[in-house]
């Protein structure tokens, strides 16, 4: 197996309720914190009860996925690294709960194209999260 993980970005995390901006010229990321008409937009995850419980449920979903390393987790933020099976490419995936919804950002570290892997990953997480709500 190859390992093309790249270096962990320094600008991860949430500042003033927002993820850091991703380069708009790269197509290999999605975020719920860009304008809905933007090609990078993906809807946030919805929940109806307790925000802390929703984040705990989300953490279980993320931890159950293959080749996943949860790096940071608290009541309002979760950061995980996902690696591909064959080449070991790493994607950085962040979630932030603002009390009303769970915002998501998923971005490839290396390369330009991701063949929609980041979007599909968030939608897979959403489906599992909603199944368990």
Protein backbone atom coordinates (compact mmCIF):
# COMPACT_ATOMS: atom_id res chain seq x y z
CA UNK A 1 0.00 0.00 0.00
CA UNK A 2 1.17 3.50 -0.83
CA UNK A 3 0.90 6.42 1.58
CA UNK A 4 0.23 9.83 0.03
CA UNK A 5 -1.15 11.47 3.14
CA UNK A 6 0.34 14.95 2.81
CA UNK A 7 0.70 17.30 5.76
CA UNK A 8 -2.15 18.18 8.09
CA UNK A 9 -3.40 21.69 7.29
CA UNK A 10 -2.67 24.35 9.89
CA UNK A 11 -5.93 26.22 9.34
CA UNK A 12 -8.34 23.55 10.56
CA UNK A 13 -10.88 24.32 13.24
CA UNK A 14 -13.63 26.84 13.74
CA UNK A 15 -13.13 30.56 14.25
CA UNK A 16 -16.14 32.76 14.96
CA UNK A 17 -18.42 29.85 14.07
CA UNK A 18 -16.84 29.29 10.63
CA UNK A 19 -14.47 26.80 9.05
CA UNK A 20 -11.47 28.22 7.23
CA UNK A 21 -12.04 29.01 3.57
CA UNK A 22 -10.93 26.42 1.05
CA UNK A 23 -9.35 27.40 -2.26
CA UNK A 24 -12.23 28.06 -4.66
CA UNK A 25 -10.16 27.00 -7.69
CA UNK A 26 -9.87 23.42 -6.40
CA UNK A 27 -12.92 21.19 -6.96
CA UNK A 28 -11.98 18.63 -4.28
CA UNK A 29 -13.92 19.90 -1.27
CA UNK A 30 -17.43 20.57 0.04
CA UNK A 31 -18.74 22.75 2.86
CA UNK A 32 -22.10 23.62 4.34
CA UNK A 33 -20.81 27.11 5.08
CA UNK A 34 -20.63 28.41 1.52
CA UNK A 35 -23.53 29.87 -0.42
CA UNK A 36 -26.09 27.24 -1.52
CA UNK A 37 -25.60 28.20 -5.17
CA UNK A 38 -21.85 27.46 -4.90
CA UNK A 39 -20.76 24.15 -6.48
CA UNK A 40 -18.94 23.29 -3.23
CA UNK A 41 -22.11 23.58 -1.12
CA UNK A 42 -23.48 20.63 0.80
CA UNK A 43 -26.38 20.89 3.25
CA UNK A 44 -25.63 20.72 6.98
CA UNK A 45 -26.81 17.75 9.03
CA UNK A 46 -30.11 18.33 10.82
CA UNK A 47 -31.11 17.17 14.27
CA UNK A 48 -34.19 17.80 16.38
CA UNK A 49 -33.16 17.20 19.96
CA UNK A 50 -30.10 17.78 22.11
CA UNK A 51 -27.04 19.16 20.27
CA UNK A 52 -24.57 17.33 22.52
CA UNK A 53 -26.33 14.00 21.92
CA UNK A 54 -26.36 14.70 18.18
CA UNK A 55 -22.60 15.25 18.18
CA UNK A 56 -22.09 12.04 20.14
CA UNK A 57 -24.23 10.16 17.61
CA UNK A 58 -22.24 11.73 14.77
CA UNK A 59 -18.96 10.67 16.41
CA UNK A 60 -20.15 7.06 16.54
CA UNK A 61 -21.04 7.16 12.86
CA UNK A 62 -17.66 8.63 11.90
CA UNK A 63 -15.71 6.21 14.11
CA UNK A 64 -17.50 3.24 12.52
CA UNK A 65 -16.19 4.11 9.06
CA UNK A 66 -13.16 2.38 7.56
CA UNK A 67 -9.73 4.05 7.54
CA UNK A 68 -10.84 6.85 9.84
CA UNK A 69 -8.82 8.56 12.55
CA UNK A 70 -10.70 10.94 14.87
CA UNK A 71 -8.13 13.60 15.76
CA UNK A 72 -10.19 16.04 17.81
CA UNK A 73 -13.63 15.86 19.38
CA UNK A 74 -15.64 17.92 21.82
CA UNK A 75 -19.31 18.84 22.34
CA UNK A 76 -19.38 21.18 19.32
CA UNK A 77 -16.53 20.08 17.01
CA UNK A 78 -15.25 16.88 15.45
CA UNK A 79 -12.22 16.55 13.18
CA UNK A 80 -11.31 13.28 11.49
CA UNK A 81 -8.86 12.13 8.85
CA UNK A 82 -10.07 9.66 6.23
CA UNK A 83 -7.59 7.68 4.13
CA UNK A 84 -8.13 5.90 0.83
CA UNK A 85 -7.51 2.16 0.72
CA UNK A 86 -5.08 1.87 -2.17
CA UNK A 87 -3.00 5.03 -2.31
CA UNK A 88 -3.42 6.32 1.24
CA UNK A 89 -4.61 9.81 0.24
CA UNK A 90 -5.92 11.69 3.26
CA UNK A 91 -9.01 13.89 3.43
CA UNK A 92 -9.69 16.26 6.32
CA UNK A 93 -13.29 16.20 7.54
CA UNK A 94 -14.67 18.67 10.06
CA UNK A 95 -18.05 19.03 11.74
CA UNK A 96 -19.24 21.98 13.83
CA UNK A 97 -22.50 22.17 15.73
CA UNK A 98 -23.92 25.68 16.06
CA UNK A 99 -26.84 24.45 18.22
CA UNK A 100 -29.26 24.36 15.28
CA UNK A 101 -27.43 22.20 12.71
CA UNK A 102 -24.15 20.37 12.26
CA UNK A 103 -22.04 22.02 9.60
CA UNK A 104 -19.64 19.90 7.56
CA UNK A 105 -16.46 20.50 5.60
CA UNK A 106 -14.59 17.73 3.77
CA UNK A 107 -11.46 18.46 1.75
CA UNK A 108 -8.74 16.49 0.00
CA UNK A 109 -5.20 17.38 1.09
CA UNK A 110 -3.48 16.54 -2.16
CA UNK A 111 -4.36 16.80 -5.81
CA UNK A 112 -7.07 18.65 -7.63
CA UNK A 113 -9.83 16.14 -8.35
CA UNK A 114 -11.51 13.84 -5.87
CA UNK A 115 -14.15 12.28 -8.16
CA UNK A 116 -16.83 13.55 -5.74
CA UNK A 117 -15.47 11.42 -2.86
CA UNK A 118 -15.83 14.23 -0.31
CA UNK A 119 -19.46 14.90 -1.25
CA UNK A 120 -20.32 11.18 -1.23
CA UNK A 121 -18.64 10.75 2.16
CA UNK A 122 -20.71 13.50 3.79
CA UNK A 123 -23.89 12.10 2.22
CA UNK A 124 -23.02 8.62 3.54
CA UNK A 125 -22.45 10.07 7.00
CA UNK A 126 -25.75 11.99 6.74
CA UNK A 127 -27.65 8.83 5.81
CA UNK A 128 -26.21 6.89 8.76
CA UNK A 129 -26.69 9.83 11.13
CA UNK A 130 -30.36 10.22 10.12
CA UNK A 131 -30.96 6.46 10.32
CA UNK A 132 -29.89 6.54 13.96
CA UNK A 133 -31.83 9.69 14.94
